[in-house]
Amino acid sequence: MSKIDWRYLQQAIIVLILAVIVAVLMAIAADRYRTTQKNGYDQSLATLQSTYRDYNQLVNDIDLLEQYRTLFIGYKSTGLVGDERRLSWIESLKRTNAKVRLPLMKYSLRPQEKFKRPGLTIKNGVALSSAPMMLNMDLLHEEDILTVFETLRLSIKNLFTVDSCILSRRGAVGGSLDTQRANLSANCVIRWLTIDVK
């Protein structure tokens, strides 16, 4: 068995050890570099996803704003938002009576007042007003009153509420109904609503 001459191998072993140390250091440096790059990539991806969500939210908000703007313009043009439009209310009543053909329809409008209902809460900057209107009508039968309010609702885009209606029969109780003249009288109070946005 021959002896190993370490003098000849010493330089090769040193080079080998240095190469292993350099390789380990390079592997550690590469792993740290990869980790840093992956963290940067993950952070960039999270920022991109957040920006994408913000962009989608902004697009949705713009669409919603456009829908509300269109509704607001429509409400303003009909008179629901802004100044009250008494003339359009009266014209819609006249159109309604022209369709229903009641023997008599009289109305009187009172001054505008604040609209109040139990449980109704209104946000600051919005004033909800109502103008009470007294309606006196002669009816052939009870269904006429429902027809009047439904026809009125379809003829105008303004909102109104029916506060009360008192029906009274004309003529003797138990007598037959006359199809040519009024058999009932109705005294109703309706309120035309107006929204003022400050």
Protein backbone atom coordinates (compact mmCIF):
# COMPACT_ATOMS: atom_id res chain seq x y z
CA MET A 1 0.00 0.00 0.00
CA SER A 2 1.37 3.33 -0.99
CA LYS A 3 1.38 6.44 1.17
CA ILE A 4 -0.54 9.54 0.09
CA ASP A 5 1.66 12.47 -0.50
CA TRP A 6 -0.37 15.31 1.02
CA ARG A 7 2.00 17.93 -0.27
CA TYR A 8 0.83 17.34 -3.80
CA LEU A 9 -2.83 17.23 -2.76
CA GLN A 10 -2.69 20.18 -0.36
CA GLN A 11 -3.24 22.78 -3.07
CA ALA A 12 -6.09 20.77 -4.64
CA ILE A 13 -7.77 20.27 -1.25
CA ILE A 14 -7.51 24.00 -0.47
CA VAL A 15 -9.00 24.83 -3.86
CA LEU A 16 -11.76 22.24 -3.25
CA ILE A 17 -12.53 23.64 0.23
CA LEU A 18 -12.57 27.21 -1.12
CA ALA A 19 -14.82 26.10 -3.99
CA VAL A 20 -17.24 24.43 -1.54
CA ILE A 21 -17.24 27.55 0.69
CA VAL A 22 -17.83 29.80 -2.33
CA ALA A 23 -20.60 27.47 -3.56
CA VAL A 24 -22.30 27.48 -0.14
CA LEU A 25 -22.01 31.27 0.09
CA MET A 26 -23.42 31.62 -3.43
CA ALA A 27 -26.28 29.26 -2.56
CA ILE A 28 -27.08 31.29 0.59
CA ALA A 29 -26.86 34.56 -1.36
CA ALA A 30 -29.05 33.11 -4.14
CA ASP A 31 -31.65 31.92 -1.61
CA ARG A 32 -31.75 35.35 0.04
CA TYR A 33 -31.99 37.04 -3.35
CA ARG A 34 -34.83 34.67 -4.35
CA THR A 35 -36.64 35.33 -1.05
CA THR A 36 -36.25 39.11 -1.48
CA GLN A 37 -37.51 38.92 -5.08
CA LYS A 38 -40.44 36.68 -4.08
CA ASN A 39 -41.42 39.09 -1.29
CA GLY A 40 -41.18 41.99 -3.74
CA TYR A 41 -43.28 40.05 -6.25
CA ASP A 42 -45.90 39.16 -3.61
CA GLN A 43 -46.06 42.80 -2.49
CA SER A 44 -46.37 44.01 -6.08
CA LEU A 45 -49.08 41.44 -6.75
CA ALA A 46 -50.99 42.51 -3.62
CA THR A 47 -50.69 46.17 -4.69
CA LEU A 48 -51.89 45.28 -8.19
CA GLN A 49 -54.88 43.35 -6.82
CA SER A 50 -55.72 46.22 -4.44
CA THR A 51 -55.45 48.72 -7.30
CA TYR A 52 -57.67 46.48 -9.45
CA ARG A 53 -60.28 46.30 -6.67
CA ASP A 54 -60.13 50.08 -6.22
CA TYR A 55 -60.50 50.53 -9.98
CA ASN A 56 -63.53 48.22 -10.10
CA GLN A 57 -65.05 50.02 -7.11
CA LEU A 58 -64.47 53.36 -8.84
CA VAL A 59 -66.10 52.10 -12.05
CA ASN A 60 -69.08 50.81 -10.02
CA ASP A 61 -69.31 54.13 -8.14
CA ILE A 62 -69.27 56.05 -11.42
CA ASP A 63 -72.03 53.79 -12.81
CA LEU A 64 -74.06 54.22 -9.63
CA LEU A 65 -73.51 57.98 -9.70
CA GLU A 66 -74.69 58.09 -13.31
CA GLN A 67 -77.81 56.09 -12.41
CA TYR A 68 -78.59 58.42 -9.51
CA ARG A 69 -77.85 61.48 -11.65
CA THR A 70 -80.28 60.22 -14.30
CA LEU A 71 -82.93 59.53 -11.63
CA PHE A 72 -82.33 62.95 -10.06
CA ILE A 73 -82.69 64.71 -13.42
CA GLY A 74 -85.89 62.73 -14.03
CA TYR A 75 -87.29 63.61 -10.61
CA LYS A 76 -86.35 67.25 -11.11
CA SER A 77 -88.04 67.35 -14.52
CA THR A 78 -91.27 65.91 -13.07
CA GLY A 79 -91.30 68.33 -10.17
CA LEU A 80 -90.73 65.83 -7.38
CA VAL A 81 -87.38 67.49 -6.64
CA GLY A 82 -87.22 71.28 -6.60
CA ASP A 83 -90.02 73.80 -6.60
CA GLU A 84 -93.58 72.55 -6.37
CA ARG A 85 -95.49 72.36 -9.65
CA ARG A 86 -99.07 73.08 -8.79
CA LEU A 87 -100.08 73.63 -12.40
CA SER A 88 -98.94 70.14 -13.42
CA TRP A 89 -100.89 68.62 -10.50
CA ILE A 90 -104.05 70.41 -11.61
CA GLU A 91 -103.51 69.44 -15.25
CA SER A 92 -103.08 65.79 -14.26
CA LEU A 93 -106.31 65.99 -12.28
CA LYS A 94 -108.10 67.40 -15.32
CA ARG A 95 -106.68 64.62 -17.53
CA THR A 96 -107.76 62.05 -14.94
CA ASN A 97 -111.30 63.41 -14.85
CA ALA A 98 -111.40 63.47 -18.65
CA LYS A 99 -110.66 59.71 -18.63
CA VAL A 100 -112.85 58.71 -15.68
CA ARG A 101 -115.69 61.20 -16.46
CA LEU A 102 -117.00 61.85 -13.00
CA PRO A 103 -120.17 63.94 -12.69
CA LEU A 104 -118.24 66.40 -10.50
CA MET A 105 -114.62 66.91 -9.42
CA LYS A 106 -113.60 70.00 -7.48
CA TYR A 107 -110.29 70.65 -5.81
CA SER A 108 -108.61 73.23 -3.62
CA LEU A 109 -104.92 73.46 -2.77
CA ARG A 110 -103.59 74.63 0.56
CA PRO A 111 -100.16 76.16 1.22
CA GLN A 112 -97.15 73.88 1.34
CA GLU A 113 -96.12 72.51 4.73
CA LYS A 114 -93.55 70.13 6.20
CA PHE A 115 -94.38 66.48 5.55
CA LYS A 116 -94.60 64.48 8.79
CA ARG A 117 -95.29 60.81 9.33
CA PRO A 118 -94.63 58.66 12.42
CA GLY A 119 -91.32 56.83 12.04
CA LEU A 120 -90.25 58.86 9.00
CA THR A 121 -86.66 60.05 9.33
CA ILE A 122 -85.14 62.45 6.82
CA LYS A 123 -81.42 63.10 6.47
CA ASN A 124 -79.97 66.55 6.98
CA GLY A 125 -79.93 68.69 3.88
CA VAL A 126 -83.20 67.22 2.55
CA ALA A 127 -86.53 68.94 3.13
CA LEU A 128 -89.68 66.93 2.39
CA SER A 129 -92.74 69.12 1.96
CA SER A 130 -96.33 68.42 1.07
CA ALA A 131 -99.13 70.50 -0.35
CA PRO A 132 -102.56 69.31 0.89
CA MET A 133 -105.27 69.16 -1.75
CA MET A 134 -108.96 68.78 -0.94
CA LEU A 135 -110.84 66.74 -3.55
CA ASN A 136 -114.65 66.78 -3.72
CA MET A 137 -116.04 64.23 -6.14
CA ASP A 138 -119.40 62.86 -7.12
CA LEU A 139 -119.19 59.14 -7.92
CA LEU A 140 -121.45 56.70 -9.70
CA HIS A 141 -120.18 53.83 -7.51
CA GLU A 142 -117.41 53.06 -4.99
CA GLU A 143 -114.94 51.76 -7.56
CA ASP A 144 -114.71 55.20 -9.15
CA ILE A 145 -112.56 56.48 -6.29
CA LEU A 146 -109.98 53.72 -6.83
CA THR A 147 -110.02 54.38 -10.56
CA VAL A 148 -109.42 58.10 -9.95
CA PHE A 149 -106.33 57.53 -7.80
CA GLU A 150 -104.89 54.83 -10.07
CA THR A 151 -105.41 56.97 -13.19
CA LEU A 152 -103.90 59.96 -11.39
CA ARG A 153 -100.89 57.87 -10.32
CA LEU A 154 -100.30 56.73 -13.90
CA SER A 155 -100.73 60.21 -15.38
CA ILE A 156 -98.01 61.98 -13.38
CA LYS A 157 -94.64 61.00 -11.99
CA ASN A 158 -95.01 63.13 -8.87
CA LEU A 159 -95.64 61.36 -5.60
CA PHE A 160 -98.83 61.89 -3.69
CA THR A 161 -100.37 60.24 -0.67
CA VAL A 162 -104.01 59.83 0.20
CA ASP A 163 -104.56 61.07 3.76
CA SER A 164 -108.28 60.41 4.04
CA CYS A 165 -111.47 59.86 2.10
CA ILE A 166 -115.00 60.15 3.41
CA LEU A 167 -117.71 58.56 1.29
CA SER A 168 -121.35 59.46 1.76
CA ARG A 169 -124.35 58.05 -0.05
CA ARG A 170 -126.74 60.33 -1.88
CA GLY A 171 -130.36 59.38 -1.77
CA ALA A 172 -132.24 56.91 0.38
CA VAL A 173 -130.45 53.92 1.89
CA GLY A 174 -131.70 50.72 0.30
CA GLY A 175 -132.82 52.50 -2.84
CA SER A 176 -131.55 51.37 -6.24
CA LEU A 177 -128.49 53.04 -7.74
CA ASP A 178 -128.96 55.39 -10.67
CA THR A 179 -126.50 54.76 -13.47
CA GLN A 180 -127.03 58.23 -14.95
CA ARG A 181 -126.21 60.44 -11.97
CA ALA A 182 -124.02 60.56 -8.87
CA ASN A 183 -124.88 58.06 -6.15
CA LEU A 184 -121.97 58.85 -3.80
CA SER A 185 -119.98 61.87 -2.69
CA ALA A 186 -116.33 61.65 -1.74
CA ASN A 187 -114.34 64.20 0.21
CA CYS A 188 -110.65 63.29 0.13
CA VAL A 189 -107.42 64.87 1.26
CA ILE A 190 -104.32 64.05 -0.75
CA ARG A 191 -100.81 65.42 -0.31
CA TRP A 192 -98.48 66.26 -3.19
CA LEU A 193 -94.88 65.65 -2.12
CA THR A 194 -91.92 67.86 -3.01
CA ILE A 195 -88.28 67.23 -2.10
CA ASP A 196 -85.93 70.16 -1.68
CA VAL A 197 -82.24 69.20 -1.61
CA LYS A 198 -80.15 71.94 -0.07
